[in-house]
Amino acid sequence: MSWLRMVVAWVAGLSGALIGYGVVYNHGQPRNPHPDPQLALTLAPLELGVGLLFGLWIYRLFGRQQQREPRADAQERMVLRFAQRRGGRFTLEELEAGSPLPAGQAGAVVARLVEAGRLQGHGQDYRLP
């Protein structure tokens, strides 16, 4: 997934630089009858700098999304939907095998749901109230 993050950042950065070039070329007017290619070429380092900053911003934005933990309420809904598909009853082993949650997270989510009263647990068997 890291390569995709890098590709998106490069595309965004180059797009930002190209947009900056277009803005300088036309003096900020969409249909300028007298564009200035010499000015746009002279300010190319500025345009590339804007593109670099934009690409870095996108790279960091996607990095933060990848590093944070999944939301607890989404995990709880996943477990509750799994229980509903199973007719309201399931075991922890079935949950670990049939859901994308890792074993440790599945147990922690089930424990939170039992504490909140949204699941009833009897050993390894759990059911909806």
C-alpha atoms as a PDB file:
ATOM      1  CA  MET A   1       0.000   0.000   0.000  1.00  0.00           C
ATOM      2  CA  SER A   2       3.000   2.257   0.487  1.00  0.00           C
ATOM      3  CA  TRP A   3       3.725   2.347  -3.247  1.00  0.00           C
ATOM      4  CA  LEU A   4       0.184   3.525  -3.950  1.00  0.00           C
ATOM      5  CA  ARG A   5       0.600   6.295  -1.398  1.00  0.00           C
ATOM      6  CA  MET A   6       3.794   7.380  -3.158  1.00  0.00           C
ATOM      7  CA  VAL A   7       2.188   7.301  -6.616  1.00  0.00           C
ATOM      8  CA  VAL A   8      -0.785   9.371  -5.460  1.00  0.00           C
ATOM      9  CA  ALA A   9       1.547  11.911  -3.849  1.00  0.00           C
ATOM     10  CA  TRP A  10       3.615  12.189  -7.055  1.00  0.00           C
ATOM     11  CA  VAL A  11       0.537  12.630  -9.224  1.00  0.00           C
ATOM     12  CA  ALA A  12      -0.877  15.247  -6.853  1.00  0.00           C
ATOM     13  CA  GLY A  13       2.439  17.102  -6.694  1.00  0.00           C
ATOM     14  CA  LEU A  14       2.924  17.153 -10.448  1.00  0.00           C
ATOM     15  CA  SER A  15      -0.686  18.230 -10.915  1.00  0.00           C
ATOM     16  CA  GLY A  16      -0.194  21.054  -8.438  1.00  0.00           C
ATOM     17  CA  ALA A  17       2.933  22.188 -10.278  1.00  0.00           C
ATOM     18  CA  LEU A  18       1.128  22.075 -13.620  1.00  0.00           C
ATOM     19  CA  ILE A  19      -1.792  24.069 -12.233  1.00  0.00           C
ATOM     20  CA  GLY A  20       0.660  26.611 -10.826  1.00  0.00           C
ATOM     21  CA  TYR A  21       2.345  26.868 -14.229  1.00  0.00           C
ATOM     22  CA  GLY A  22      -1.017  27.450 -15.902  1.00  0.00           C
ATOM     23  CA  VAL A  23      -1.982  30.151 -13.414  1.00  0.00           C
ATOM     24  CA  VAL A  24       1.296  32.022 -13.894  1.00  0.00           C
ATOM     25  CA  TYR A  25       1.216  31.528 -17.687  1.00  0.00           C
ATOM     26  CA  ASN A  26      -2.219  33.179 -17.923  1.00  0.00           C
ATOM     27  CA  HIS A  27      -1.687  35.715 -15.104  1.00  0.00           C
ATOM     28  CA  GLY A  28      -4.559  34.100 -13.187  1.00  0.00           C
ATOM     29  CA  GLN A  29      -7.129  34.879 -15.897  1.00  0.00           C
ATOM     30  CA  PRO A  30      -8.803  31.832 -17.483  1.00  0.00           C
ATOM     31  CA  ARG A  31      -8.963  33.237 -21.041  1.00  0.00           C
ATOM     32  CA  ASN A  32      -6.109  35.700 -21.091  1.00  0.00           C
ATOM     33  CA  PRO A  33      -5.513  36.922 -24.666  1.00  0.00           C
ATOM     34  CA  HIS A  34      -1.841  37.687 -23.871  1.00  0.00           C
ATOM     35  CA  PRO A  35      -0.237  34.792 -21.949  1.00  0.00           C
ATOM     36  CA  ASP A  36       3.346  35.141 -20.741  1.00  0.00           C
ATOM     37  CA  PRO A  37       5.387  31.954 -21.306  1.00  0.00           C
ATOM     38  CA  GLN A  38       8.642  33.666 -20.324  1.00  0.00           C
ATOM     39  CA  LEU A  39       7.282  34.580 -16.888  1.00  0.00           C
ATOM     40  CA  ALA A  40       5.930  31.057 -16.422  1.00  0.00           C
ATOM     41  CA  LEU A  41       9.336  29.598 -17.260  1.00  0.00           C
ATOM     42  CA  THR A  42      11.114  32.070 -14.983  1.00  0.00           C
ATOM     43  CA  LEU A  43       8.850  31.166 -12.061  1.00  0.00           C
ATOM     44  CA  ALA A  44       9.142  27.400 -12.666  1.00  0.00           C
ATOM     45  CA  PRO A  45      10.984  26.849  -9.333  1.00  0.00           C
ATOM     46  CA  LEU A  46       8.081  28.497  -7.500  1.00  0.00           C
ATOM     47  CA  GLU A  47       5.570  26.341  -9.350  1.00  0.00           C
ATOM     48  CA  LEU A  48       7.562  23.195  -8.623  1.00  0.00           C
ATOM     49  CA  GLY A  49       7.796  24.231  -4.968  1.00  0.00           C
ATOM     50  CA  VAL A  50       4.024  24.566  -4.780  1.00  0.00           C
ATOM     51  CA  GLY A  51       3.694  21.131  -6.371  1.00  0.00           C
ATOM     52  CA  LEU A  52       6.218  19.689  -3.915  1.00  0.00           C
ATOM     53  CA  LEU A  53       4.346  21.117  -0.941  1.00  0.00           C
ATOM     54  CA  PHE A  54       1.051  19.798  -2.263  1.00  0.00           C
ATOM     55  CA  GLY A  55       2.533  16.339  -2.863  1.00  0.00           C
ATOM     56  CA  LEU A  56       4.036  16.248   0.643  1.00  0.00           C
ATOM     57  CA  TRP A  57       0.705  17.297   2.119  1.00  0.00           C
ATOM     58  CA  ILE A  58      -1.077  14.452   0.299  1.00  0.00           C
ATOM     59  CA  TYR A  59       1.639  11.965   1.329  1.00  0.00           C
ATOM     60  CA  ARG A  60       1.308  12.907   4.999  1.00  0.00           C
ATOM     61  CA  LEU A  61      -2.491  12.929   4.835  1.00  0.00           C
ATOM     62  CA  PHE A  62      -2.605   9.339   3.587  1.00  0.00           C
ATOM     63  CA  GLY A  63       0.097   8.335   6.070  1.00  0.00           C
ATOM     64  CA  ARG A  64      -1.969   9.521   9.007  1.00  0.00           C
ATOM     65  CA  GLN A  65      -4.981   7.576   7.780  1.00  0.00           C
ATOM     66  CA  GLN A  66      -2.937   4.384   7.493  1.00  0.00           C
ATOM     67  CA  GLN A  67      -1.327   4.726  10.932  1.00  0.00           C
ATOM     68  CA  ARG A  68      -4.408   5.274  13.058  1.00  0.00           C
ATOM     69  CA  GLU A  69      -6.326   2.397  14.545  1.00  0.00           C
ATOM     70  CA  PRO A  70      -9.695   1.361  13.163  1.00  0.00           C
ATOM     71  CA  ARG A  71     -12.617   2.997  14.910  1.00  0.00           C
ATOM     72  CA  ALA A  72     -14.110   0.993  17.749  1.00  0.00           C
ATOM     73  CA  ASP A  73     -17.710   1.599  16.698  1.00  0.00           C
ATOM     74  CA  ALA A  74     -17.008   0.192  13.234  1.00  0.00           C
ATOM     75  CA  GLN A  75     -15.534  -2.939  14.805  1.00  0.00           C
ATOM     76  CA  GLU A  76     -18.533  -3.273  17.106  1.00  0.00           C
ATOM     77  CA  ARG A  77     -20.951  -2.951  14.192  1.00  0.00           C
ATOM     78  CA  MET A  78     -18.943  -5.595  12.342  1.00  0.00           C
ATOM     79  CA  VAL A  79     -19.330  -8.017  15.254  1.00  0.00           C
ATOM     80  CA  LEU A  80     -23.040  -7.252  15.677  1.00  0.00           C
ATOM     81  CA  ARG A  81     -23.685  -7.788  11.953  1.00  0.00           C
ATOM     82  CA  PHE A  82     -21.760 -11.058  12.141  1.00  0.00           C
ATOM     83  CA  ALA A  83     -23.967 -12.130  15.052  1.00  0.00           C
ATOM     84  CA  GLN A  84     -27.132 -11.223  13.151  1.00  0.00           C
ATOM     85  CA  ARG A  85     -26.021 -13.223  10.110  1.00  0.00           C
ATOM     86  CA  ARG A  86     -25.438 -16.225  12.379  1.00  0.00           C
ATOM     87  CA  GLY A  87     -28.942 -16.048  13.827  1.00  0.00           C
ATOM     88  CA  GLY A  88     -27.892 -14.216  16.984  1.00  0.00           C
ATOM     89  CA  ARG A  89     -25.480 -16.876  18.279  1.00  0.00           C
ATOM     90  CA  PHE A  90     -21.777 -17.356  17.602  1.00  0.00           C
ATOM     91  CA  THR A  91     -18.548 -18.479  19.202  1.00  0.00           C
ATOM     92  CA  LEU A  92     -15.327 -16.533  19.385  1.00  0.00           C
ATOM     93  CA  GLU A  93     -13.655 -19.047  17.040  1.00  0.00           C
ATOM     94  CA  GLU A  94     -16.398 -18.515  14.432  1.00  0.00           C
ATOM     95  CA  LEU A  95     -15.949 -14.757  14.727  1.00  0.00           C
ATOM     96  CA  GLU A  96     -12.180 -14.995  14.285  1.00  0.00           C
ATOM     97  CA  ALA A  97     -12.600 -17.259  11.251  1.00  0.00           C
ATOM     98  CA  GLY A  98     -15.476 -15.377   9.615  1.00  0.00           C
ATOM     99  CA  SER A  99     -14.506 -11.742  10.103  1.00  0.00           C
ATOM    100  CA  PRO A 100     -11.501  -9.637   9.091  1.00  0.00           C
ATOM    101  CA  LEU A 101     -10.721  -8.845  12.742  1.00  0.00           C
ATOM    102  CA  PRO A 102      -7.529 -10.414  14.130  1.00  0.00           C
ATOM    103  CA  ALA A 103      -7.903 -12.768  17.083  1.00  0.00           C
ATOM    104  CA  GLY A 104      -6.879 -10.262  19.753  1.00  0.00           C
ATOM    105  CA  GLN A 105      -9.106  -7.503  18.436  1.00  0.00           C
ATOM    106  CA  ALA A 106     -12.089  -9.817  18.075  1.00  0.00           C
ATOM    107  CA  GLY A 107     -11.836 -10.826  21.731  1.00  0.00           C
ATOM    108  CA  ALA A 108     -11.448  -7.214  22.870  1.00  0.00           C
ATOM    109  CA  VAL A 109     -14.458  -6.058  20.850  1.00  0.00           C
ATOM    110  CA  VAL A 110     -16.603  -8.905  22.168  1.00  0.00           C
ATOM    111  CA  ALA A 111     -15.529  -8.072  25.739  1.00  0.00           C
ATOM    112  CA  ARG A 112     -16.516  -4.408  25.218  1.00  0.00           C
ATOM    113  CA  LEU A 113     -19.890  -5.432  23.827  1.00  0.00           C
ATOM    114  CA  VAL A 114     -20.511  -7.795  26.749  1.00  0.00           C
ATOM    115  CA  GLU A 115     -19.617  -5.020  29.225  1.00  0.00           C
ATOM    116  CA  ALA A 116     -21.970  -2.625  27.462  1.00  0.00           C
ATOM    117  CA  GLY A 117     -24.768  -5.200  27.557  1.00  0.00           C
ATOM    118  CA  ARG A 118     -25.083  -5.437  23.788  1.00  0.00           C
ATOM    119  CA  LEU A 119     -24.004  -9.105  23.839  1.00  0.00           C
ATOM    120  CA  GLN A 120     -24.537 -11.850  26.359  1.00  0.00           C
ATOM    121  CA  GLY A 121     -21.657 -14.230  26.865  1.00  0.00           C
ATOM    122  CA  HIS A 122     -21.487 -17.713  28.313  1.00  0.00           C
ATOM    123  CA  GLY A 123     -17.892 -18.949  28.130  1.00  0.00           C
ATOM    124  CA  GLN A 124     -17.038 -19.129  24.431  1.00  0.00           C
ATOM    125  CA  ASP A 125     -20.658 -18.826  23.264  1.00  0.00           C
ATOM    126  CA  TYR A 126     -22.147 -15.391  22.718  1.00  0.00           C
ATOM    127  CA  ARG A 127     -25.605 -14.281  21.693  1.00  0.00           C
ATOM    128  CA  LEU A 128     -27.555 -11.117  21.098  1.00  0.00           C
ATOM    129  CA  PRO A 129     -29.806 -10.059  24.007  1.00  0.00           C
END
